[in-house]
Each structure stands twice: as structure tokens, then as C-alpha cells.
Amino acid sequence: MVDSLMAAAYAMGELMLEVAPACLVDNEPGVRVALFCGQIGEPLEQGLAARYYALSGDRRALYRPIGQGLRGGGRP
């Protein structure tokens, strides 16, 4: 079950990377992801976390609030 959830999150992250590629700077990725998440009904935090997970492969991205560093906390 966990593997299928991680696969779904990774697929969502790949989709977010199509909308906002890794080469974008400043707040442009967040703006693009926010617009897309609004269109598909996905919470922005989940969209950004999935994007980061697809970029890094780090599952901790899915368990922490956005804005909080990887060392700065655990699961909610």
C-alpha cells in the first residue's frame, strides 16, 4: 500500500514538473503550481510537496509542511 501511495505521489510530482520545470527560479514554480492545483482541485501544499518529491526522491517531502526544512520537523 505504501509503495502504491509513493508511486502516485511521484506521478503527481512528475505532472507538477511538467507544469513548473525545475529550471524555473524565484516564485514562478509556486505560481504555476498554484494555478494548476486550483484547476484540478488539489491543495497547493500537496502539489508543491509532490513536485519536490519528484525532484529529490526524498519521501520526507510528503510528510512535512512546505516551508519547514528537512531537518526542521517530523510528521504532522
PDB file of N, CA and C in Angstrom:
ATOM      1  N   MET A   1       0.827  -1.189   0.000  1.00  0.00           N
ATOM      2  CA  MET A   1       0.000   0.000   0.000  1.00  0.00           C
ATOM      3  C   MET A   1       0.873   1.254   0.000  1.00  0.00           C
ATOM      4  N   VAL A   2       1.906   1.275   0.824  1.00  0.00           N
ATOM      5  CA  VAL A   2       2.780   2.444   0.884  1.00  0.00           C
ATOM      6  C   VAL A   2       3.458   2.663  -0.460  1.00  0.00           C
ATOM      7  N   ASP A   3       3.883   1.585  -1.093  1.00  0.00           N
ATOM      8  CA  ASP A   3       4.543   1.715  -2.390  1.00  0.00           C
ATOM      9  C   ASP A   3       3.610   2.318  -3.436  1.00  0.00           C
ATOM     10  N   SER A   4       2.337   1.919  -3.412  1.00  0.00           N
ATOM     11  CA  SER A   4       1.401   2.476  -4.395  1.00  0.00           C
ATOM     12  C   SER A   4       1.126   3.951  -4.114  1.00  0.00           C
ATOM     13  N   LEU A   5       1.099   4.342  -2.835  1.00  0.00           N
ATOM     14  CA  LEU A   5       0.922   5.757  -2.490  1.00  0.00           C
ATOM     15  C   LEU A   5       2.131   6.582  -2.926  1.00  0.00           C
ATOM     16  N   MET A   6       3.320   6.038  -2.729  1.00  0.00           N
ATOM     17  CA  MET A   6       4.529   6.743  -3.150  1.00  0.00           C
ATOM     18  C   MET A   6       4.587   6.859  -4.675  1.00  0.00           C
ATOM     19  N   ALA A   7       4.158   5.822  -5.367  1.00  0.00           N
ATOM     20  CA  ALA A   7       4.132   5.863  -6.831  1.00  0.00           C
ATOM     21  C   ALA A   7       3.147   6.917  -7.325  1.00  0.00           C
ATOM     22  N   ALA A   8       2.005   7.018  -6.664  1.00  0.00           N
ATOM     23  CA  ALA A   8       1.020   8.036  -7.040  1.00  0.00           C
ATOM     24  C   ALA A   8       1.550   9.439  -6.767  1.00  0.00           C
ATOM     25  N   ALA A   9       2.216   9.610  -5.635  1.00  0.00           N
ATOM     26  CA  ALA A   9       2.788  10.919  -5.303  1.00  0.00           C
ATOM     27  C   ALA A   9       3.885  11.289  -6.293  1.00  0.00           C
ATOM     28  N   TYR A  10       4.681  10.319  -6.698  1.00  0.00           N
ATOM     29  CA  TYR A  10       5.744  10.578  -7.672  1.00  0.00           C
ATOM     30  C   TYR A  10       5.149  10.953  -9.027  1.00  0.00           C
ATOM     31  N   ALA A  11       4.094  10.253  -9.428  1.00  0.00           N
ATOM     32  CA  ALA A  11       3.433  10.573 -10.692  1.00  0.00           C
ATOM     33  C   ALA A  11       2.851  11.979 -10.651  1.00  0.00           C
ATOM     34  N   MET A  12       2.257  12.358  -9.523  1.00  0.00           N
ATOM     35  CA  MET A  12       1.736  13.712  -9.366  1.00  0.00           C
ATOM     36  C   MET A  12       2.878  14.721  -9.438  1.00  0.00           C
ATOM     37  N   GLY A  13       4.003  14.391  -8.826  1.00  0.00           N
ATOM     38  CA  GLY A  13       5.166  15.266  -8.871  1.00  0.00           C
ATOM     39  C   GLY A  13       5.697  15.443 -10.278  1.00  0.00           C
ATOM     40  N   GLU A  14       5.710  14.372 -11.053  1.00  0.00           N
ATOM     41  CA  GLU A  14       6.140  14.487 -12.447  1.00  0.00           C
ATOM     42  C   GLU A  14       5.214  15.398 -13.233  1.00  0.00           C
ATOM     43  N   LEU A  15       3.925  15.308 -12.951  1.00  0.00           N
ATOM     44  CA  LEU A  15       2.959  16.188 -13.592  1.00  0.00           C
ATOM     45  C   LEU A  15       3.218  17.643 -13.197  1.00  0.00           C
ATOM     46  N   MET A  16       3.507  17.871 -11.924  1.00  0.00           N
ATOM     47  CA  MET A  16       3.809  19.227 -11.458  1.00  0.00           C
ATOM     48  C   MET A  16       5.092  19.748 -12.107  1.00  0.00           C
ATOM     49  N   LEU A  17       6.051  18.865 -12.358  1.00  0.00           N
ATOM     50  CA  LEU A  17       7.283  19.284 -13.023  1.00  0.00           C
ATOM     51  C   LEU A  17       7.043  19.631 -14.493  1.00  0.00           C
ATOM     52  N   GLU A  18       6.038  19.042 -15.105  1.00  0.00           N
ATOM     53  CA  GLU A  18       5.686  19.448 -16.461  1.00  0.00           C
ATOM     54  C   GLU A  18       5.108  20.856 -16.460  1.00  0.00           C
ATOM     55  N   VAL A  19       4.328  21.166 -15.440  1.00  0.00           N
ATOM     56  CA  VAL A  19       3.728  22.491 -15.309  1.00  0.00           C
ATOM     57  C   VAL A  19       4.778  23.516 -14.897  1.00  0.00           C
ATOM     58  N   ALA A  20       5.645  23.147 -13.982  1.00  0.00           N
ATOM     59  CA  ALA A  20       6.671  24.048 -13.449  1.00  0.00           C
ATOM     60  C   ALA A  20       8.010  23.318 -13.421  1.00  0.00           C
ATOM     61  N   PRO A  21       8.762  23.363 -14.519  1.00  0.00           N
ATOM     62  CA  PRO A  21      10.048  22.660 -14.588  1.00  0.00           C
ATOM     63  C   PRO A  21      11.037  23.112 -13.517  1.00  0.00           C
ATOM     64  N   ALA A  22      12.004  22.283 -13.248  1.00  0.00           N
ATOM     65  CA  ALA A  22      12.988  22.542 -12.203  1.00  0.00           C
ATOM     66  C   ALA A  22      13.855  23.758 -12.498  1.00  0.00           C
ATOM     67  N   CYS A  23      13.951  24.167 -13.754  1.00  0.00           N
ATOM     68  CA  CYS A  23      14.815  25.287 -14.125  1.00  0.00           C
ATOM     69  C   CYS A  23      14.216  26.647 -13.790  1.00  0.00           C
ATOM     70  N   LEU A  24      12.963  26.698 -13.358  1.00  0.00           N
ATOM     71  CA  LEU A  24      12.342  27.979 -13.021  1.00  0.00           C
ATOM     72  C   LEU A  24      12.911  28.519 -11.709  1.00  0.00           C
ATOM     73  N   VAL A  25      12.927  29.822 -11.581  1.00  0.00           N
ATOM     74  CA  VAL A  25      13.515  30.461 -10.395  1.00  0.00           C
ATOM     75  C   VAL A  25      12.495  31.324  -9.672  1.00  0.00           C
ATOM     76  N   ASP A  26      12.889  31.791  -8.507  1.00  0.00           N
ATOM     77  CA  ASP A  26      12.093  32.672  -7.646  1.00  0.00           C
ATOM     78  C   ASP A  26      10.748  32.037  -7.328  1.00  0.00           C
ATOM     79  N   ASN A  27       9.684  32.795  -7.495  1.00  0.00           N
ATOM     80  CA  ASN A  27       8.370  32.278  -7.104  1.00  0.00           C
ATOM     81  C   ASN A  27       7.591  31.726  -8.296  1.00  0.00           C
ATOM     82  N   GLU A  28       8.195  31.703  -9.478  1.00  0.00           N
ATOM     83  CA  GLU A  28       7.484  31.237 -10.672  1.00  0.00           C
ATOM     84  C   GLU A  28       6.966  29.804 -10.554  1.00  0.00           C
ATOM     85  N   PRO A  29       7.746  28.851 -10.007  1.00  0.00           N
ATOM     86  CA  PRO A  29       7.184  27.493  -9.863  1.00  0.00           C
ATOM     87  C   PRO A  29       5.942  27.474  -8.971  1.00  0.00           C
ATOM     88  N   GLY A  30       5.999  28.209  -7.875  1.00  0.00           N
ATOM     89  CA  GLY A  30       4.855  28.232  -6.965  1.00  0.00           C
ATOM     90  C   GLY A  30       3.608  28.812  -7.606  1.00  0.00           C
ATOM     91  N   VAL A  31       3.791  29.849  -8.402  1.00  0.00           N
ATOM     92  CA  VAL A  31       2.654  30.469  -9.091  1.00  0.00           C
ATOM     93  C   VAL A  31       2.048  29.492 -10.080  1.00  0.00           C
ATOM     94  N   ARG A  32       2.888  28.844 -10.867  1.00  0.00           N
ATOM     95  CA  ARG A  32       2.384  27.888 -11.859  1.00  0.00           C
ATOM     96  C   ARG A  32       1.694  26.704 -11.197  1.00  0.00           C
ATOM     97  N   VAL A  33       2.315  26.176 -10.149  1.00  0.00           N
ATOM     98  CA  VAL A  33       1.719  25.030  -9.449  1.00  0.00           C
ATOM     99  C   VAL A  33       0.408  25.448  -8.792  1.00  0.00           C
ATOM    100  N   ALA A  34       0.360  26.650  -8.232  1.00  0.00           N
ATOM    101  CA  ALA A  34      -0.871  27.138  -7.595  1.00  0.00           C
ATOM    102  C   ALA A  34      -2.012  27.222  -8.607  1.00  0.00           C
ATOM    103  N   LEU A  35      -1.725  27.753  -9.781  1.00  0.00           N
ATOM    104  CA  LEU A  35      -2.762  27.840 -10.812  1.00  0.00           C
ATOM    105  C   LEU A  35      -3.244  26.457 -11.237  1.00  0.00           C
ATOM    106  N   PHE A  36      -2.309  25.548 -11.439  1.00  0.00           N
ATOM    107  CA  PHE A  36      -2.677  24.203 -11.857  1.00  0.00           C
ATOM    108  C   PHE A  36      -3.448  23.470 -10.761  1.00  0.00           C
ATOM    109  N   CYS A  37      -2.984  23.578  -9.535  1.00  0.00           N
ATOM    110  CA  CYS A  37      -3.682  22.921  -8.420  1.00  0.00           C
ATOM    111  C   CYS A  37      -5.100  23.453  -8.287  1.00  0.00           C
ATOM    112  N   GLY A  38      -5.270  24.750  -8.501  1.00  0.00           N
ATOM    113  CA  GLY A  38      -6.613  25.326  -8.457  1.00  0.00           C
ATOM    114  C   GLY A  38      -7.519  24.747  -9.525  1.00  0.00           C
ATOM    115  N   GLN A  39      -6.956  24.460 -10.685  1.00  0.00           N
ATOM    116  CA  GLN A  39      -7.746  23.907 -11.781  1.00  0.00           C
ATOM    117  C   GLN A  39      -8.141  22.456 -11.533  1.00  0.00           C
ATOM    118  N   ILE A  40      -7.270  21.695 -10.883  1.00  0.00           N
ATOM    119  CA  ILE A  40      -7.565  20.264 -10.692  1.00  0.00           C
ATOM    120  C   ILE A  40      -8.115  19.955  -9.303  1.00  0.00           C
ATOM    121  N   GLY A  41      -8.199  20.979  -8.440  1.00  0.00           N
ATOM    122  CA  GLY A  41      -8.762  20.770  -7.106  1.00  0.00           C
ATOM    123  C   GLY A  41      -7.818  20.111  -6.119  1.00  0.00           C
ATOM    124  N   GLU A  42      -6.531  20.241  -6.341  1.00  0.00           N
ATOM    125  CA  GLU A  42      -5.518  19.671  -5.451  1.00  0.00           C
ATOM    126  C   GLU A  42      -5.014  20.778  -4.517  1.00  0.00           C
ATOM    127  N   PRO A  43      -4.842  20.498  -3.227  1.00  0.00           N
ATOM    128  CA  PRO A  43      -4.271  21.516  -2.347  1.00  0.00           C
ATOM    129  C   PRO A  43      -2.858  21.904  -2.787  1.00  0.00           C
ATOM    130  N   LEU A  44      -2.557  23.183  -2.726  1.00  0.00           N
ATOM    131  CA  LEU A  44      -1.256  23.684  -3.160  1.00  0.00           C
ATOM    132  C   LEU A  44      -0.121  22.997  -2.426  1.00  0.00           C
ATOM    133  N   GLU A  45      -0.254  22.802  -1.118  1.00  0.00           N
ATOM    134  CA  GLU A  45       0.807  22.171  -0.334  1.00  0.00           C
ATOM    135  C   GLU A  45       1.136  20.782  -0.855  1.00  0.00           C
ATOM    136  N   GLN A  46       0.100  20.034  -1.227  1.00  0.00           N
ATOM    137  CA  GLN A  46       0.340  18.685  -1.748  1.00  0.00           C
ATOM    138  C   GLN A  46       1.003  18.738  -3.121  1.00  0.00           C
ATOM    139  N   GLY A  47       0.606  19.691  -3.940  1.00  0.00           N
ATOM    140  CA  GLY A  47       1.215  19.826  -5.256  1.00  0.00           C
ATOM    141  C   GLY A  47       2.683  20.183  -5.158  1.00  0.00           C
ATOM    142  N   LEU A  48       3.010  21.123  -4.280  1.00  0.00           N
ATOM    143  CA  LEU A  48       4.408  21.509  -4.108  1.00  0.00           C
ATOM    144  C   LEU A  48       5.236  20.381  -3.500  1.00  0.00           C
ATOM    145  N   ALA A  49       4.649  19.677  -2.538  1.00  0.00           N
ATOM    146  CA  ALA A  49       5.368  18.557  -1.917  1.00  0.00           C
ATOM    147  C   ALA A  49       5.621  17.447  -2.931  1.00  0.00           C
ATOM    148  N   ALA A  50       4.633  17.157  -3.759  1.00  0.00           N
ATOM    149  CA  ALA A  50       4.806  16.124  -4.782  1.00  0.00           C
ATOM    150  C   ALA A  50       5.868  16.545  -5.794  1.00  0.00           C
ATOM    151  N   ARG A  51       5.891  17.825  -6.147  1.00  0.00           N
ATOM    152  CA  ARG A  51       6.915  18.326  -7.077  1.00  0.00           C
ATOM    153  C   ARG A  51       8.297  18.145  -6.474  1.00  0.00           C
ATOM    154  N   TYR A  52       8.438  18.525  -5.207  1.00  0.00           N
ATOM    155  CA  TYR A  52       9.739  18.385  -4.557  1.00  0.00           C
ATOM    156  C   TYR A  52      10.143  16.910  -4.442  1.00  0.00           C
ATOM    157  N   TYR A  53       9.185  16.050  -4.156  1.00  0.00           N
ATOM    158  CA  TYR A  53       9.469  14.617  -4.063  1.00  0.00           C
ATOM    159  C   TYR A  53       9.965  14.088  -5.411  1.00  0.00           C
ATOM    160  N   ALA A  54       9.335  14.508  -6.505  1.00  0.00           N
ATOM    161  CA  ALA A  54       9.777  14.065  -7.822  1.00  0.00           C
ATOM    162  C   ALA A  54      11.173  14.599  -8.151  1.00  0.00           C
ATOM    163  N   LEU A  55      11.476  15.798  -7.676  1.00  0.00           N
ATOM    164  CA  LEU A  55      12.808  16.373  -7.904  1.00  0.00           C
ATOM    165  C   LEU A  55      13.879  15.651  -7.096  1.00  0.00           C
ATOM    166  N   SER A  56      13.574  15.383  -5.832  1.00  0.00           N
ATOM    167  CA  SER A  56      14.602  14.904  -4.906  1.00  0.00           C
ATOM    168  C   SER A  56      14.559  13.398  -4.650  1.00  0.00           C
ATOM    169  N   GLY A  57      13.385  12.798  -4.766  1.00  0.00           N
ATOM    170  CA  GLY A  57      13.241  11.395  -4.400  1.00  0.00           C
ATOM    171  C   GLY A  57      13.183  11.186  -2.895  1.00  0.00           C
ATOM    172  N   ASP A  58      13.117  12.271  -2.150  1.00  0.00           N
ATOM    173  CA  ASP A  58      13.107  12.213  -0.691  1.00  0.00           C
ATOM    174  C   ASP A  58      11.669  12.140  -0.181  1.00  0.00           C
ATOM    175  N   ARG A  59      11.285  11.006   0.354  1.00  0.00           N
ATOM    176  CA  ARG A  59       9.916  10.803   0.823  1.00  0.00           C
ATOM    177  C   ARG A  59       9.521  11.751   1.950  1.00  0.00           C
ATOM    178  N   ARG A  60      10.496  12.286   2.660  1.00  0.00           N
ATOM    179  CA  ARG A  60      10.175  13.213   3.758  1.00  0.00           C
ATOM    180  C   ARG A  60       9.456  14.452   3.243  1.00  0.00           C
ATOM    181  N   ALA A  61       9.612  14.755   1.972  1.00  0.00           N
ATOM    182  CA  ALA A  61       8.925  15.909   1.384  1.00  0.00           C
ATOM    183  C   ALA A  61       7.414  15.768   1.496  1.00  0.00           C
ATOM    184  N   LEU A  62       6.930  14.552   1.531  1.00  0.00           N
ATOM    185  CA  LEU A  62       5.488  14.307   1.589  1.00  0.00           C
ATOM    186  C   LEU A  62       4.942  14.337   3.008  1.00  0.00           C
ATOM    187  N   TYR A  63       5.831  14.371   4.013  1.00  0.00           N
ATOM    188  CA  TYR A  63       5.396  14.280   5.406  1.00  0.00           C
ATOM    189  C   TYR A  63       5.608  15.552   6.203  1.00  0.00           C
ATOM    190  N   ARG A  64       6.064  16.607   5.579  1.00  0.00           N
ATOM    191  CA  ARG A  64       6.352  17.830   6.318  1.00  0.00           C
ATOM    192  C   ARG A  64       5.610  19.002   5.700  1.00  0.00           C
ATOM    193  N   PRO A  65       5.311  20.006   6.508  1.00  0.00           N
ATOM    194  CA  PRO A  65       4.707  21.214   5.946  1.00  0.00           C
ATOM    195  C   PRO A  65       5.684  21.888   4.991  1.00  0.00           C
ATOM    196  N   ILE A  66       5.198  22.531   3.954  1.00  0.00           N
ATOM    197  CA  ILE A  66       6.058  23.201   2.968  1.00  0.00           C
ATOM    198  C   ILE A  66       6.803  24.310   3.683  1.00  0.00           C
ATOM    199  N   GLY A  67       7.627  24.918   3.666  1.00  0.00           N
ATOM    200  CA  GLY A  67       8.242  25.972   4.429  1.00  0.00           C
ATOM    201  C   GLY A  67       9.114  25.469   5.563  1.00  0.00           C
ATOM    202  N   GLN A  68       8.991  24.221   5.923  1.00  0.00           N
ATOM    203  CA  GLN A  68       9.768  23.680   7.030  1.00  0.00           C
ATOM    204  C   GLN A  68      10.913  22.861   6.436  1.00  0.00           C
ATOM    205  N   GLY A  69      12.117  23.096   6.894  1.00  0.00           N
ATOM    206  CA  GLY A  69      13.276  22.391   6.350  1.00  0.00           C
ATOM    207  C   GLY A  69      13.218  20.900   6.606  1.00  0.00           C
ATOM    208  N   LEU A  70      14.022  20.148   5.879  1.00  0.00           N
ATOM    209  CA  LEU A  70      14.028  18.702   6.053  1.00  0.00           C
ATOM    210  C   LEU A  70      14.457  18.307   7.452  1.00  0.00           C
ATOM    211  N   ARG A  71      15.292  19.111   8.079  1.00  0.00           N
ATOM    212  CA  ARG A  71      15.726  18.795   9.448  1.00  0.00           C
ATOM    213  C   ARG A  71      14.767  19.366  10.483  1.00  0.00           C
ATOM    214  N   GLY A  72      13.876  20.258  10.045  1.00  0.00           N
ATOM    215  CA  GLY A  72      13.079  21.031  10.980  1.00  0.00           C
ATOM    216  C   GLY A  72      11.783  20.423  11.415  1.00  0.00           C
ATOM    217  N   GLY A  73      11.649  19.169  11.417  1.00  0.00           N
ATOM    218  CA  GLY A  73      10.404  18.636  11.933  1.00  0.00           C
ATOM    219  C   GLY A  73      10.151  17.240  11.425  1.00  0.00           C
ATOM    220  N   GLY A  74       9.136  16.679  11.957  1.00  0.00           N
ATOM    221  CA  GLY A  74       8.789  15.324  11.561  1.00  0.00           C
ATOM    222  C   GLY A  74       7.438  15.307  10.905  1.00  0.00           C
ATOM    223  N   ARG A  75       6.774  14.267  11.128  1.00  0.00           N
ATOM    224  CA  ARG A  75       5.452  14.119  10.539  1.00  0.00           C
ATOM    225  C   ARG A  75       4.466  14.938  11.331  1.00  0.00           C
ATOM    226  N   PRO A  76       3.449  15.463  10.607  1.00  0.00           N
ATOM    227  CA  PRO A  76       2.441  16.280  11.304  1.00  0.00           C
ATOM    228  C   PRO A  76       1.636  15.490  12.295  1.00  0.00           C
TER     229      PRO A  76
END
